[in-house]
Amino acid sequence: MKNSWLVIAAVVGLTVASASGPSAPAQALSAKTIDLPPDNAMGTLKAGPGLDVVKSNCATCHSTDYIVRQPGGDVKHWDPEVHKMISVYGAQINDSDARTIVNYLATEYSAPPDPEIRATPVLRTGRASPAPKRKSKATGPY
């Protein structure tokens, strides 16, 4: 009998505590926002149908230069890339938006990116590496 009173007192105490409002840990779970810096100008996405869907789904997880620096391709190239973001990285993209993203990428980024926007290779020292030297044809048969 003594144990049943303890159980009742514990249940009543929990009920009163939960009715009085959220606990401190629940208040700590309030929404927070962060402001991200703007993307690098090299990462500016091309205008086209579906651009808003790409920005709202893709640019929330990574910068847009990850998109423009990819080797271009058709739907067969971009579809697995988009679905990898969903299945491997957990991107919350619905099927309709995924199709829109794939179509946008296949249309606007069907060819390899312009070599002018590729990053300059960096040596371990942090300095840009020099351009590779080309062998002159006049140097001999080697």
C-alpha atoms as a PDB file:
ATOM      1  CA  MET A   1       0.000   0.000   0.000  1.00  0.00           C
ATOM      2  CA  LYS A   2       2.829   2.349   0.867  1.00  0.00           C
ATOM      3  CA  ASN A   3       4.416   1.754  -2.582  1.00  0.00           C
ATOM      4  CA  SER A   4       1.176   2.497  -4.441  1.00  0.00           C
ATOM      5  CA  TRP A   5       0.989   5.940  -2.730  1.00  0.00           C
ATOM      6  CA  LEU A   6       4.489   6.690  -3.946  1.00  0.00           C
ATOM      7  CA  VAL A   7       3.517   5.784  -7.507  1.00  0.00           C
ATOM      8  CA  ILE A   8       0.397   7.953  -7.330  1.00  0.00           C
ATOM      9  CA  ALA A   9       2.384  10.873  -5.881  1.00  0.00           C
ATOM     10  CA  ALA A  10       4.981  10.550  -8.656  1.00  0.00           C
ATOM     11  CA  VAL A  11       2.309  10.492 -11.381  1.00  0.00           C
ATOM     12  CA  VAL A  12       0.506  13.492  -9.885  1.00  0.00           C
ATOM     13  CA  GLY A  13       3.817  15.360  -9.582  1.00  0.00           C
ATOM     14  CA  LEU A  14       4.695  14.696 -13.238  1.00  0.00           C
ATOM     15  CA  THR A  15       1.220  15.726 -14.356  1.00  0.00           C
ATOM     16  CA  VAL A  16       1.387  19.003 -12.418  1.00  0.00           C
ATOM     17  CA  ALA A  17       4.910  19.731 -13.668  1.00  0.00           C
ATOM     18  CA  SER A  18       3.980  19.136 -17.310  1.00  0.00           C
ATOM     19  CA  ALA A  19       0.801  21.207 -17.013  1.00  0.00           C
ATOM     20  CA  SER A  20       2.710  24.189 -15.643  1.00  0.00           C
ATOM     21  CA  GLY A  21       4.516  24.821 -18.959  1.00  0.00           C
ATOM     22  CA  PRO A  22       7.563  23.730 -20.903  1.00  0.00           C
ATOM     23  CA  SER A  23      10.618  22.688 -19.007  1.00  0.00           C
ATOM     24  CA  ALA A  24      14.004  24.356 -19.412  1.00  0.00           C
ATOM     25  CA  PRO A  25      15.284  21.752 -21.930  1.00  0.00           C
ATOM     26  CA  ALA A  26      12.176  22.241 -24.070  1.00  0.00           C
ATOM     27  CA  GLN A  27      12.726  25.993 -24.089  1.00  0.00           C
ATOM     28  CA  ALA A  28      16.333  25.461 -25.163  1.00  0.00           C
ATOM     29  CA  LEU A  29      15.100  23.802 -28.375  1.00  0.00           C
ATOM     30  CA  SER A  30      13.815  27.061 -29.830  1.00  0.00           C
ATOM     31  CA  ALA A  31      14.508  27.766 -33.508  1.00  0.00           C
ATOM     32  CA  LYS A  32      17.803  29.388 -34.384  1.00  0.00           C
ATOM     33  CA  THR A  33      18.884  30.960 -37.631  1.00  0.00           C
ATOM     34  CA  ILE A  34      22.273  31.603 -39.146  1.00  0.00           C
ATOM     35  CA  ASP A  35      23.183  34.020 -41.906  1.00  0.00           C
ATOM     36  CA  LEU A  36      25.454  32.512 -44.524  1.00  0.00           C
ATOM     37  CA  PRO A  37      27.883  34.617 -46.547  1.00  0.00           C
ATOM     38  CA  PRO A  38      27.011  35.099 -50.214  1.00  0.00           C
ATOM     39  CA  ASP A  39      28.288  32.550 -52.706  1.00  0.00           C
ATOM     40  CA  ASN A  40      31.466  33.214 -54.625  1.00  0.00           C
ATOM     41  CA  ALA A  41      30.734  35.055 -57.871  1.00  0.00           C
ATOM     42  CA  MET A  42      32.149  32.055 -59.766  1.00  0.00           C
ATOM     43  CA  GLY A  43      29.305  30.016 -58.325  1.00  0.00           C
ATOM     44  CA  THR A  44      26.508  32.120 -59.789  1.00  0.00           C
ATOM     45  CA  LEU A  45      23.939  29.760 -61.267  1.00  0.00           C
ATOM     46  CA  LYS A  46      22.707  30.261 -64.813  1.00  0.00           C
ATOM     47  CA  ALA A  47      19.197  31.646 -65.217  1.00  0.00           C
ATOM     48  CA  GLY A  48      16.685  29.077 -66.384  1.00  0.00           C
ATOM     49  CA  PRO A  49      13.477  27.234 -65.562  1.00  0.00           C
ATOM     50  CA  GLY A  50      13.823  25.618 -62.139  1.00  0.00           C
ATOM     51  CA  LEU A  51      16.514  27.940 -60.800  1.00  0.00           C
ATOM     52  CA  ASP A  52      14.381  28.873 -57.780  1.00  0.00           C
ATOM     53  CA  VAL A  53      13.892  25.184 -56.921  1.00  0.00           C
ATOM     54  CA  VAL A  54      17.640  24.547 -57.209  1.00  0.00           C
ATOM     55  CA  LYS A  55      18.455  27.497 -54.958  1.00  0.00           C
ATOM     56  CA  SER A  56      15.862  26.574 -52.334  1.00  0.00           C
ATOM     57  CA  ASN A  57      16.861  22.899 -52.206  1.00  0.00           C
ATOM     58  CA  CYS A  58      20.555  22.707 -53.081  1.00  0.00           C
ATOM     59  CA  ALA A  59      22.007  25.957 -51.779  1.00  0.00           C
ATOM     60  CA  THR A  60      20.712  25.248 -48.275  1.00  0.00           C
ATOM     61  CA  CYS A  61      23.375  22.544 -47.854  1.00  0.00           C
ATOM     62  CA  HIS A  62      26.272  23.573 -50.056  1.00  0.00           C
ATOM     63  CA  SER A  63      27.515  26.539 -52.029  1.00  0.00           C
ATOM     64  CA  THR A  64      26.506  26.855 -55.638  1.00  0.00           C
ATOM     65  CA  ASP A  65      30.083  26.621 -56.863  1.00  0.00           C
ATOM     66  CA  TYR A  66      29.815  22.891 -56.091  1.00  0.00           C
ATOM     67  CA  ILE A  67      27.242  22.797 -58.874  1.00  0.00           C
ATOM     68  CA  VAL A  68      28.976  24.914 -61.507  1.00  0.00           C
ATOM     69  CA  ARG A  69      32.319  23.145 -61.042  1.00  0.00           C
ATOM     70  CA  GLN A  70      30.857  19.695 -61.724  1.00  0.00           C
ATOM     71  CA  PRO A  71      31.534  18.145 -65.084  1.00  0.00           C
ATOM     72  CA  GLY A  72      28.447  18.817 -67.164  1.00  0.00           C
ATOM     73  CA  GLY A  73      26.152  16.133 -68.373  1.00  0.00           C
ATOM     74  CA  ASP A  74      22.715  15.108 -69.440  1.00  0.00           C
ATOM     75  CA  VAL A  75      19.882  13.679 -67.343  1.00  0.00           C
ATOM     76  CA  LYS A  76      21.772  10.358 -67.034  1.00  0.00           C
ATOM     77  CA  HIS A  77      24.633  12.247 -65.376  1.00  0.00           C
ATOM     78  CA  TRP A  78      22.634  14.575 -63.095  1.00  0.00           C
ATOM     79  CA  ASP A  79      19.879  12.191 -61.931  1.00  0.00           C
ATOM     80  CA  PRO A  80      22.248   9.979 -59.876  1.00  0.00           C
ATOM     81  CA  GLU A  81      23.952  13.091 -58.466  1.00  0.00           C
ATOM     82  CA  VAL A  82      20.668  14.543 -57.223  1.00  0.00           C
ATOM     83  CA  HIS A  83      19.509  11.216 -55.822  1.00  0.00           C
ATOM     84  CA  LYS A  84      22.871  10.759 -54.077  1.00  0.00           C
ATOM     85  CA  MET A  85      22.194  14.021 -52.238  1.00  0.00           C
ATOM     86  CA  ILE A  86      18.866  12.574 -51.103  1.00  0.00           C
ATOM     87  CA  SER A  87      19.872   9.010 -50.239  1.00  0.00           C
ATOM     88  CA  VAL A  88      23.431   9.519 -48.973  1.00  0.00           C
ATOM     89  CA  TYR A  89      23.426  13.035 -47.571  1.00  0.00           C
ATOM     90  CA  GLY A  90      19.793  13.197 -46.424  1.00  0.00           C
ATOM     91  CA  ALA A  91      18.637  16.136 -48.546  1.00  0.00           C
ATOM     92  CA  GLN A  92      14.926  16.658 -47.974  1.00  0.00           C
ATOM     93  CA  ILE A  93      13.900  16.963 -51.635  1.00  0.00           C
ATOM     94  CA  ASN A  94      10.533  15.684 -52.869  1.00  0.00           C
ATOM     95  CA  ASP A  95      10.207  13.781 -56.174  1.00  0.00           C
ATOM     96  CA  SER A  96       8.753  16.737 -58.088  1.00  0.00           C
ATOM     97  CA  ASP A  97      11.572  19.062 -57.005  1.00  0.00           C
ATOM     98  CA  ALA A  98      14.177  16.369 -57.757  1.00  0.00           C
ATOM     99  CA  ARG A  99      12.892  16.107 -61.351  1.00  0.00           C
ATOM    100  CA  THR A 100      12.921  19.906 -61.676  1.00  0.00           C
ATOM    101  CA  ILE A 101      16.506  20.062 -60.362  1.00  0.00           C
ATOM    102  CA  VAL A 102      17.701  17.303 -62.705  1.00  0.00           C
ATOM    103  CA  ASN A 103      16.046  18.999 -65.702  1.00  0.00           C
ATOM    104  CA  TYR A 104      17.538  22.382 -64.787  1.00  0.00           C
ATOM    105  CA  LEU A 105      21.030  20.924 -64.380  1.00  0.00           C
ATOM    106  CA  ALA A 106      20.825  18.857 -67.577  1.00  0.00           C
ATOM    107  CA  THR A 107      19.678  21.925 -69.512  1.00  0.00           C
ATOM    108  CA  GLU A 108      21.920  24.605 -68.038  1.00  0.00           C
ATOM    109  CA  TYR A 109      24.967  22.458 -67.219  1.00  0.00           C
ATOM    110  CA  SER A 110      24.974  19.933 -70.042  1.00  0.00           C
ATOM    111  CA  ALA A 111      28.540  20.689 -71.132  1.00  0.00           C
ATOM    112  CA  PRO A 112      31.705  20.751 -69.036  1.00  0.00           C
ATOM    113  CA  PRO A 113      32.161  24.084 -67.262  1.00  0.00           C
ATOM    114  CA  ASP A 114      34.206  26.850 -68.812  1.00  0.00           C
ATOM    115  CA  PRO A 115      37.899  26.178 -67.981  1.00  0.00           C
ATOM    116  CA  GLU A 116      38.256  29.844 -66.975  1.00  0.00           C
ATOM    117  CA  ILE A 117      36.157  29.244 -63.829  1.00  0.00           C
ATOM    118  CA  ARG A 118      38.086  26.201 -62.647  1.00  0.00           C
ATOM    119  CA  ALA A 119      40.053  26.701 -59.468  1.00  0.00           C
ATOM    120  CA  THR A 120      43.773  27.264 -59.735  1.00  0.00           C
ATOM    121  CA  PRO A 121      45.590  24.268 -58.214  1.00  0.00           C
ATOM    122  CA  VAL A 122      47.170  25.076 -54.864  1.00  0.00           C
ATOM    123  CA  LEU A 123      50.425  23.587 -53.613  1.00  0.00           C
ATOM    124  CA  ARG A 124      50.690  22.361 -50.019  1.00  0.00           C
ATOM    125  CA  THR A 125      52.399  25.640 -49.201  1.00  0.00           C
ATOM    126  CA  GLY A 126      49.161  27.462 -49.996  1.00  0.00           C
ATOM    127  CA  ARG A 127      50.636  29.219 -53.029  1.00  0.00           C
ATOM    128  CA  ALA A 128      49.152  28.833 -56.467  1.00  0.00           C
ATOM    129  CA  SER A 129      51.066  26.323 -58.536  1.00  0.00           C
ATOM    130  CA  PRO A 130      52.733  27.548 -61.726  1.00  0.00           C
ATOM    131  CA  ALA A 131      51.284  26.645 -65.087  1.00  0.00           C
ATOM    132  CA  PRO A 132      52.707  23.355 -66.403  1.00  0.00           C
ATOM    133  CA  LYS A 133      55.661  23.795 -68.758  1.00  0.00           C
ATOM    134  CA  ARG A 134      55.188  22.432 -72.217  1.00  0.00           C
ATOM    135  CA  LYS A 135      58.016  20.653 -73.967  1.00  0.00           C
ATOM    136  CA  SER A 136      59.223  22.307 -77.102  1.00  0.00           C
ATOM    137  CA  LYS A 137      59.223  20.183 -80.225  1.00  0.00           C
ATOM    138  CA  ALA A 138      62.754  21.442 -80.872  1.00  0.00           C
ATOM    139  CA  THR A 139      64.182  19.623 -77.818  1.00  0.00           C
ATOM    140  CA  GLY A 140      64.674  16.336 -79.599  1.00  0.00           C
ATOM    141  CA  PRO A 141      62.904  13.054 -80.120  1.00  0.00           C
ATOM    142  CA  TYR A 142      61.993  12.549 -76.460  1.00  0.00           C
END
